[in-house]
Amino acid sequence: MPPKPPSLAVRPVTITAVIDPVAALATGDLDENLYLYDTNRKAGSAGFGTPGLRTRVRKGDTLLWNVIPLECETFVALSGIEIDRRVADPVRKFYPGTDIAFWTATVKRDIVKPVSYRLSFLLGGVADPFTVAAEQALLGADKEA
């Protein structure tokens, strides 16, 4: 019997939103005050430091979204992720023993075409969420990856 090809390990991919909440609240413009990063640059992710992050993933990858405010005294929270639920179904969770939330999902299928998604955030004491105008996307894995 021929040897089995090595299986690809499931990889956690962290997507971090760095937000300047004071500037976003003052200007009403989230996109100019949002900087997105992920931990998958080596695999071919692009758009680092912009609201239009394009994250390279493959079926089985675990995604984890979190938020870091530039101003620690202003409330910031990721309030929603709009994405095709056939690709990923994000769930809000909390770090144990805290009220600090993060979102997680598993990539359910291989991605052939980019899958767009949108992030929404709560800032300060504003009741209505701020939704990113720029489009984020999940991209399929490179052939070499």
N, C-alpha and C. Protein backbone atom coordinates (compact mmCIF):
# COMPACT_ATOMS: atom_id res chain seq x y z
N MET A 1 0.84 -1.17 0.00
CA MET A 1 0.00 0.00 0.00
C MET A 1 0.89 1.24 0.00
N PRO A 2 0.59 2.23 -0.87
CA PRO A 2 1.41 3.45 -0.88
C PRO A 2 1.22 4.24 0.40
N PRO A 3 2.25 4.97 0.81
CA PRO A 3 2.11 5.78 2.03
C PRO A 3 1.08 6.88 1.84
N LYS A 4 0.41 7.20 2.93
CA LYS A 4 -0.57 8.28 2.91
C LYS A 4 0.15 9.62 2.84
N PRO A 5 -0.41 10.57 2.08
CA PRO A 5 0.20 11.90 2.09
C PRO A 5 0.02 12.52 3.47
N PRO A 6 0.96 13.35 3.89
CA PRO A 6 0.81 13.97 5.21
C PRO A 6 -0.44 14.84 5.24
N SER A 7 -1.20 14.76 6.34
CA SER A 7 -2.40 15.59 6.45
C SER A 7 -1.99 17.00 6.86
N LEU A 8 -2.76 17.95 6.39
CA LEU A 8 -2.50 19.35 6.73
C LEU A 8 -3.06 19.62 8.12
N ALA A 9 -2.25 20.17 8.98
CA ALA A 9 -2.69 20.48 10.33
C ALA A 9 -3.69 21.62 10.31
N VAL A 10 -4.67 21.55 11.22
CA VAL A 10 -5.61 22.66 11.37
C VAL A 10 -4.85 23.82 11.99
N ARG A 11 -4.99 24.99 11.38
CA ARG A 11 -4.24 26.16 11.83
C ARG A 11 -5.19 27.21 12.39
N PRO A 12 -4.88 27.75 13.55
CA PRO A 12 -5.66 28.90 13.98
C PRO A 12 -5.17 30.14 13.23
N VAL A 13 -6.10 30.93 12.74
CA VAL A 13 -5.77 32.18 12.06
C VAL A 13 -6.45 33.29 12.85
N THR A 14 -5.66 34.15 13.47
CA THR A 14 -6.20 35.25 14.26
C THR A 14 -6.30 36.50 13.40
N ILE A 15 -7.47 37.13 13.43
CA ILE A 15 -7.72 38.38 12.72
C ILE A 15 -7.94 39.45 13.79
N THR A 16 -7.05 40.42 13.83
CA THR A 16 -7.10 41.45 14.86
C THR A 16 -7.49 42.80 14.26
N ALA A 17 -8.48 43.44 14.87
CA ALA A 17 -8.90 44.78 14.48
C ALA A 17 -8.32 45.76 15.49
N VAL A 18 -7.46 46.66 15.03
CA VAL A 18 -6.93 47.73 15.87
C VAL A 18 -7.72 48.98 15.50
N ILE A 19 -8.38 49.58 16.49
CA ILE A 19 -9.28 50.71 16.23
C ILE A 19 -8.88 51.91 17.07
N ASP A 20 -8.93 53.09 16.44
CA ASP A 20 -8.80 54.35 17.17
C ASP A 20 -10.23 54.82 17.42
N PRO A 21 -10.83 54.43 18.56
CA PRO A 21 -12.24 54.74 18.79
C PRO A 21 -12.53 56.22 18.96
N VAL A 22 -11.60 56.97 19.54
CA VAL A 22 -11.82 58.41 19.74
C VAL A 22 -11.93 59.10 18.39
N ALA A 23 -11.02 58.80 17.47
CA ALA A 23 -11.06 59.41 16.14
C ALA A 23 -12.28 58.93 15.36
N ALA A 24 -12.63 57.66 15.47
CA ALA A 24 -13.80 57.14 14.75
C ALA A 24 -15.08 57.80 15.25
N LEU A 25 -15.20 58.00 16.56
CA LEU A 25 -16.37 58.67 17.11
C LEU A 25 -16.40 60.14 16.73
N ALA A 26 -15.25 60.80 16.73
CA ALA A 26 -15.18 62.23 16.41
C ALA A 26 -15.52 62.50 14.95
N THR A 27 -15.08 61.61 14.06
CA THR A 27 -15.27 61.83 12.62
C THR A 27 -16.46 61.06 12.05
N GLY A 28 -16.93 60.04 12.78
CA GLY A 28 -17.99 59.19 12.25
C GLY A 28 -17.50 58.24 11.17
N ASP A 29 -16.18 58.14 11.01
CA ASP A 29 -15.58 57.33 9.95
C ASP A 29 -14.76 56.20 10.55
N LEU A 30 -15.32 55.01 10.55
CA LEU A 30 -14.61 53.86 11.09
C LEU A 30 -13.46 53.42 10.18
N ASP A 31 -13.70 53.41 8.87
CA ASP A 31 -12.69 52.88 7.93
C ASP A 31 -11.35 53.60 8.02
N GLU A 32 -11.36 54.92 8.25
CA GLU A 32 -10.11 55.67 8.34
C GLU A 32 -9.40 55.46 9.67
N ASN A 33 -10.05 54.76 10.59
CA ASN A 33 -9.50 54.57 11.93
C ASN A 33 -9.46 53.10 12.33
N LEU A 34 -9.42 52.22 11.33
CA LEU A 34 -9.42 50.77 11.54
C LEU A 34 -8.23 50.17 10.80
N TYR A 35 -7.51 49.32 11.50
CA TYR A 35 -6.33 48.67 10.94
C TYR A 35 -6.45 47.17 11.20
N LEU A 36 -6.63 46.38 10.15
CA LEU A 36 -6.82 44.94 10.30
C LEU A 36 -5.53 44.18 9.99
N TYR A 37 -5.29 43.15 10.77
CA TYR A 37 -4.11 42.29 10.61
C TYR A 37 -4.53 40.84 10.81
N ASP A 38 -3.78 39.91 10.25
CA ASP A 38 -4.00 38.50 10.58
C ASP A 38 -2.65 37.81 10.75
N THR A 39 -2.71 36.57 11.19
CA THR A 39 -1.49 35.80 11.46
C THR A 39 -1.13 34.88 10.29
N ASN A 40 -1.65 35.18 9.10
CA ASN A 40 -1.45 34.28 7.97
C ASN A 40 -0.75 34.94 6.79
N ARG A 41 0.06 35.94 7.06
CA ARG A 41 0.75 36.66 5.99
C ARG A 41 1.63 35.72 5.17
N LYS A 42 2.30 34.79 5.83
CA LYS A 42 3.19 33.86 5.14
C LYS A 42 2.43 33.03 4.10
N ALA A 43 1.16 32.74 4.35
CA ALA A 43 0.35 31.95 3.42
C ALA A 43 -0.22 32.80 2.29
N GLY A 44 -0.06 34.14 2.36
CA GLY A 44 -0.50 34.98 1.26
C GLY A 44 -1.60 35.96 1.56
N SER A 45 -1.92 36.19 2.83
CA SER A 45 -2.91 37.21 3.16
C SER A 45 -2.39 38.58 2.70
N ALA A 46 -3.31 39.51 2.46
CA ALA A 46 -2.93 40.84 1.95
C ALA A 46 -3.83 41.91 2.56
N GLY A 47 -3.42 43.16 2.39
CA GLY A 47 -4.20 44.29 2.89
C GLY A 47 -3.96 44.59 4.35
N PHE A 48 -2.78 44.22 4.86
CA PHE A 48 -2.48 44.45 6.27
C PHE A 48 -2.50 45.94 6.59
N GLY A 49 -3.10 46.28 7.75
CA GLY A 49 -3.15 47.66 8.19
C GLY A 49 -4.23 48.48 7.51
N THR A 50 -5.10 47.82 6.75
CA THR A 50 -6.21 48.50 6.07
C THR A 50 -7.52 47.86 6.50
N PRO A 51 -8.65 48.52 6.24
CA PRO A 51 -9.94 47.89 6.54
C PRO A 51 -10.32 46.81 5.52
N GLY A 52 -9.53 46.67 4.45
CA GLY A 52 -9.82 45.70 3.39
C GLY A 52 -8.94 44.47 3.45
N LEU A 53 -8.75 43.91 4.63
CA LEU A 53 -7.90 42.73 4.81
C LEU A 53 -8.45 41.55 4.01
N ARG A 54 -7.54 40.82 3.37
CA ARG A 54 -7.89 39.61 2.61
C ARG A 54 -7.07 38.47 3.20
N THR A 55 -7.75 37.59 3.93
CA THR A 55 -7.10 36.53 4.69
C THR A 55 -7.12 35.21 3.93
N ARG A 56 -5.96 34.63 3.77
CA ARG A 56 -5.82 33.35 3.07
C ARG A 56 -6.11 32.22 4.06
N VAL A 57 -7.07 31.34 3.72
CA VAL A 57 -7.47 30.25 4.60
C VAL A 57 -7.71 28.98 3.79
N ARG A 58 -7.89 27.88 4.51
CA ARG A 58 -8.30 26.63 3.87
C ARG A 58 -9.31 25.92 4.77
N LYS A 59 -10.00 24.97 4.20
CA LYS A 59 -11.02 24.21 4.93
C LYS A 59 -10.41 23.64 6.21
N GLY A 60 -11.15 23.81 7.31
CA GLY A 60 -10.70 23.31 8.60
C GLY A 60 -9.97 24.32 9.46
N ASP A 61 -9.52 25.43 8.87
CA ASP A 61 -8.85 26.46 9.67
C ASP A 61 -9.81 27.02 10.70
N THR A 62 -9.29 27.30 11.89
CA THR A 62 -10.06 27.97 12.93
C THR A 62 -9.75 29.46 12.84
N LEU A 63 -10.79 30.28 12.73
CA LEU A 63 -10.63 31.74 12.68
C LEU A 63 -10.96 32.30 14.06
N LEU A 64 -10.21 33.31 14.47
CA LEU A 64 -10.46 33.98 15.74
C LEU A 64 -10.32 35.48 15.50
N TRP A 65 -11.43 36.21 15.70
CA TRP A 65 -11.42 37.67 15.54
C TRP A 65 -11.37 38.31 16.92
N ASN A 66 -10.51 39.32 17.08
CA ASN A 66 -10.47 40.08 18.33
C ASN A 66 -10.22 41.55 18.03
N VAL A 67 -10.31 42.38 19.07
CA VAL A 67 -10.21 43.84 18.90
C VAL A 67 -9.22 44.40 19.91
N ILE A 68 -8.42 45.35 19.44
CA ILE A 68 -7.51 46.09 20.32
C ILE A 68 -7.79 47.58 20.11
N PRO A 69 -8.28 48.29 21.14
CA PRO A 69 -8.48 49.74 20.99
C PRO A 69 -7.17 50.49 21.22
N LEU A 70 -6.94 51.54 20.42
CA LEU A 70 -5.76 52.38 20.64
C LEU A 70 -5.93 53.24 21.89
N GLU A 71 -7.16 53.52 22.27
CA GLU A 71 -7.47 54.30 23.47
C GLU A 71 -8.16 53.35 24.44
N CYS A 72 -7.45 52.93 25.46
CA CYS A 72 -7.98 51.88 26.35
C CYS A 72 -9.15 52.33 27.22
N GLU A 73 -9.39 53.63 27.33
CA GLU A 73 -10.49 54.10 28.17
C GLU A 73 -11.81 54.23 27.40
N THR A 74 -11.79 53.98 26.10
CA THR A 74 -13.01 54.06 25.29
C THR A 74 -13.45 52.65 24.93
N PHE A 75 -14.72 52.34 25.20
CA PHE A 75 -15.25 51.00 24.95
C PHE A 75 -15.24 50.68 23.46
N VAL A 76 -14.77 49.47 23.14
CA VAL A 76 -14.77 48.95 21.78
C VAL A 76 -15.11 47.47 21.85
N ALA A 77 -16.01 47.02 20.98
CA ALA A 77 -16.33 45.59 20.92
C ALA A 77 -16.75 45.22 19.51
N LEU A 78 -16.34 44.05 19.07
CA LEU A 78 -16.81 43.50 17.81
C LEU A 78 -18.22 43.00 18.07
N SER A 79 -19.20 43.56 17.36
CA SER A 79 -20.60 43.22 17.64
C SER A 79 -21.21 42.27 16.63
N GLY A 80 -20.58 42.10 15.47
CA GLY A 80 -21.15 41.19 14.49
C GLY A 80 -20.23 40.95 13.31
N ILE A 81 -20.43 39.79 12.68
CA ILE A 81 -19.68 39.43 11.48
C ILE A 81 -20.68 38.91 10.46
N GLU A 82 -20.84 39.63 9.35
CA GLU A 82 -21.72 39.19 8.27
C GLU A 82 -20.89 38.39 7.28
N ILE A 83 -21.22 37.10 7.13
CA ILE A 83 -20.49 36.22 6.22
C ILE A 83 -21.42 35.10 5.79
N ASP A 84 -21.16 34.51 4.65
CA ASP A 84 -21.92 33.37 4.17
C ASP A 84 -21.77 32.23 5.18
N ARG A 85 -22.86 31.85 5.82
CA ARG A 85 -22.83 30.82 6.87
C ARG A 85 -22.48 29.44 6.33
N ARG A 86 -22.50 29.28 5.01
CA ARG A 86 -22.06 28.00 4.43
C ARG A 86 -20.53 27.90 4.45
N VAL A 87 -19.87 29.03 4.60
CA VAL A 87 -18.40 29.06 4.64
C VAL A 87 -17.89 29.07 6.08
N ALA A 88 -18.47 29.90 6.93
CA ALA A 88 -18.07 30.00 8.33
C ALA A 88 -19.25 30.55 9.12
N ASP A 89 -19.42 30.08 10.34
CA ASP A 89 -20.53 30.50 11.18
C ASP A 89 -19.96 31.06 12.49
N PRO A 90 -19.57 32.35 12.50
CA PRO A 90 -18.92 32.92 13.68
C PRO A 90 -19.81 32.90 14.92
N VAL A 91 -19.17 32.63 16.05
CA VAL A 91 -19.85 32.58 17.35
C VAL A 91 -19.06 33.46 18.32
N ARG A 92 -19.80 34.27 19.08
CA ARG A 92 -19.15 35.11 20.09
C ARG A 92 -18.90 34.29 21.35
N LYS A 93 -17.68 34.39 21.87
CA LYS A 93 -17.30 33.70 23.10
C LYS A 93 -16.59 34.70 24.00
N PHE A 94 -16.31 34.27 25.23
CA PHE A 94 -15.62 35.12 26.19
C PHE A 94 -14.39 34.40 26.73
N TYR A 95 -13.31 35.17 26.94
CA TYR A 95 -12.15 34.59 27.58
C TYR A 95 -12.54 34.18 28.99
N PRO A 96 -12.13 33.00 29.46
CA PRO A 96 -12.55 32.50 30.77
C PRO A 96 -12.29 33.50 31.89
N GLY A 97 -13.31 33.68 32.74
CA GLY A 97 -13.19 34.54 33.90
C GLY A 97 -13.20 36.03 33.60
N THR A 98 -13.56 36.41 32.34
CA THR A 98 -13.59 37.83 31.97
C THR A 98 -14.88 38.14 31.22
N ASP A 99 -15.07 39.43 30.94
CA ASP A 99 -16.17 39.83 30.06
C ASP A 99 -15.60 40.27 28.70
N ILE A 100 -14.38 39.84 28.40
CA ILE A 100 -13.72 40.19 27.14
C ILE A 100 -14.13 39.17 26.08
N ALA A 101 -14.77 39.69 25.03
CA ALA A 101 -15.32 38.83 23.98
C ALA A 101 -14.36 38.67 22.81
N PHE A 102 -14.50 37.55 22.13
CA PHE A 102 -13.85 37.31 20.85
C PHE A 102 -14.83 36.48 20.02
N TRP A 103 -14.59 36.39 18.74
CA TRP A 103 -15.44 35.61 17.85
C TRP A 103 -14.60 34.50 17.23
N THR A 104 -15.20 33.35 17.02
CA THR A 104 -14.48 32.24 16.42
C THR A 104 -15.38 31.49 15.44
N ALA A 105 -14.75 30.86 14.46
CA ALA A 105 -15.47 30.06 13.46
C ALA A 105 -14.48 29.09 12.83
N THR A 106 -15.02 28.05 12.25
CA THR A 106 -14.21 27.10 11.48
C THR A 106 -14.58 27.24 10.02
N VAL A 107 -13.57 27.28 9.15
CA VAL A 107 -13.82 27.35 7.71
C VAL A 107 -14.39 25.99 7.29
N LYS A 108 -15.63 26.00 6.77
CA LYS A 108 -16.36 24.77 6.49
C LYS A 108 -16.03 24.11 5.16
N ARG A 109 -15.49 24.89 4.23
CA ARG A 109 -15.23 24.31 2.90
C ARG A 109 -14.05 25.01 2.26
N ASP A 110 -13.51 24.37 1.23
CA ASP A 110 -12.44 25.00 0.47
C ASP A 110 -13.02 26.21 -0.27
N ILE A 111 -12.25 27.26 -0.35
CA ILE A 111 -12.71 28.50 -0.98
C ILE A 111 -12.09 28.61 -2.37
N VAL A 112 -12.97 28.74 -3.38
CA VAL A 112 -12.51 28.86 -4.76
C VAL A 112 -12.46 30.33 -5.16
N LYS A 113 -13.53 31.07 -4.86
CA LYS A 113 -13.59 32.52 -5.11
C LYS A 113 -13.55 33.23 -3.77
N PRO A 114 -13.07 34.47 -3.73
CA PRO A 114 -13.06 35.21 -2.46
C PRO A 114 -14.46 35.28 -1.83
N VAL A 115 -14.50 35.10 -0.52
CA VAL A 115 -15.75 35.18 0.23
C VAL A 115 -15.71 36.46 1.06
N SER A 116 -16.55 37.41 0.69
CA SER A 116 -16.60 38.70 1.38
C SER A 116 -17.27 38.56 2.74
N TYR A 117 -16.84 39.41 3.67
CA TYR A 117 -17.53 39.51 4.95
C TYR A 117 -17.41 40.93 5.46
N ARG A 118 -18.24 41.29 6.43
CA ARG A 118 -18.23 42.64 7.00
C ARG A 118 -18.24 42.56 8.51
N LEU A 119 -17.46 43.42 9.11
CA LEU A 119 -17.37 43.51 10.57
C LEU A 119 -18.15 44.73 11.06
N SER A 120 -18.79 44.58 12.22
CA SER A 120 -19.48 45.70 12.88
C SER A 120 -18.94 45.81 14.31
N PHE A 121 -18.83 47.06 14.77
CA PHE A 121 -18.26 47.32 16.09
C PHE A 121 -19.15 48.27 16.88
N LEU A 122 -19.15 48.11 18.20
CA LEU A 122 -19.74 49.08 19.11
C LEU A 122 -18.59 49.95 19.62
N LEU A 123 -18.81 51.27 19.61
CA LEU A 123 -17.78 52.22 20.05
C LEU A 123 -18.37 53.17 21.08
N GLY A 124 -17.62 53.38 22.17
CA GLY A 124 -18.06 54.32 23.20
C GLY A 124 -19.43 53.96 23.71
N GLY A 125 -20.26 54.96 23.92
CA GLY A 125 -21.62 54.73 24.40
C GLY A 125 -22.66 54.76 23.30
N VAL A 126 -22.22 54.72 22.04
CA VAL A 126 -23.15 54.78 20.91
C VAL A 126 -23.87 53.44 20.77
N ALA A 127 -25.20 53.48 20.71
CA ALA A 127 -25.99 52.24 20.67
C ALA A 127 -25.93 51.54 19.31
N ASP A 128 -25.88 52.32 18.23
CA ASP A 128 -25.86 51.72 16.90
C ASP A 128 -24.45 51.30 16.52
N PRO A 129 -24.31 50.09 15.97
CA PRO A 129 -22.97 49.64 15.58
C PRO A 129 -22.42 50.40 14.39
N PHE A 130 -21.10 50.50 14.34
CA PHE A 130 -20.38 51.04 13.20
C PHE A 130 -20.00 49.84 12.33
N THR A 131 -20.40 49.86 11.06
CA THR A 131 -20.07 48.77 10.15
C THR A 131 -19.00 49.26 9.18
N VAL A 132 -18.01 48.42 8.97
CA VAL A 132 -16.91 48.76 8.07
C VAL A 132 -17.45 48.85 6.65
N ALA A 133 -17.18 49.96 5.96
CA ALA A 133 -17.63 50.12 4.57
C ALA A 133 -16.79 49.27 3.63
N ALA A 134 -15.48 49.22 3.88
CA ALA A 134 -14.60 48.40 3.05
C ALA A 134 -14.94 46.93 3.25
N GLU A 135 -14.69 46.15 2.23
CA GLU A 135 -15.00 44.73 2.28
C GLU A 135 -13.78 43.92 2.71
N GLN A 136 -13.97 43.05 3.68
CA GLN A 136 -12.94 42.09 4.03
C GLN A 136 -13.26 40.81 3.27
N ALA A 137 -12.28 39.90 3.15
CA ALA A 137 -12.54 38.67 2.41
C ALA A 137 -11.67 37.53 2.91
N LEU A 138 -12.21 36.33 2.76
CA LEU A 138 -11.42 35.11 2.94
C LEU A 138 -11.05 34.63 1.55
N LEU A 139 -9.79 34.27 1.37
CA LEU A 139 -9.29 33.78 0.09
C LEU A 139 -8.90 32.32 0.24
N GLY A 140 -9.02 31.56 -0.84
CA GLY A 140 -8.60 30.17 -0.84
C GLY A 140 -7.09 30.05 -0.72
N ALA A 141 -6.65 28.89 -0.28
CA ALA A 141 -5.22 28.64 -0.09
C ALA A 141 -4.50 28.60 -1.43
N ASP A 142 -3.26 29.08 -1.42
CA ASP A 142 -2.41 28.98 -2.62
C ASP A 142 -2.16 27.51 -2.93
N LYS A 143 -1.90 27.22 -4.18
CA LYS A 143 -1.61 25.84 -4.60
C LYS A 143 -0.37 25.30 -3.87
N GLU A 144 0.61 26.18 -3.62
CA GLU A 144 1.85 25.73 -2.97
C GLU A 144 1.70 25.60 -1.47
N ALA A 145 0.66 26.22 -0.88
CA ALA A 145 0.54 26.24 0.59
C ALA A 145 0.23 24.86 1.14
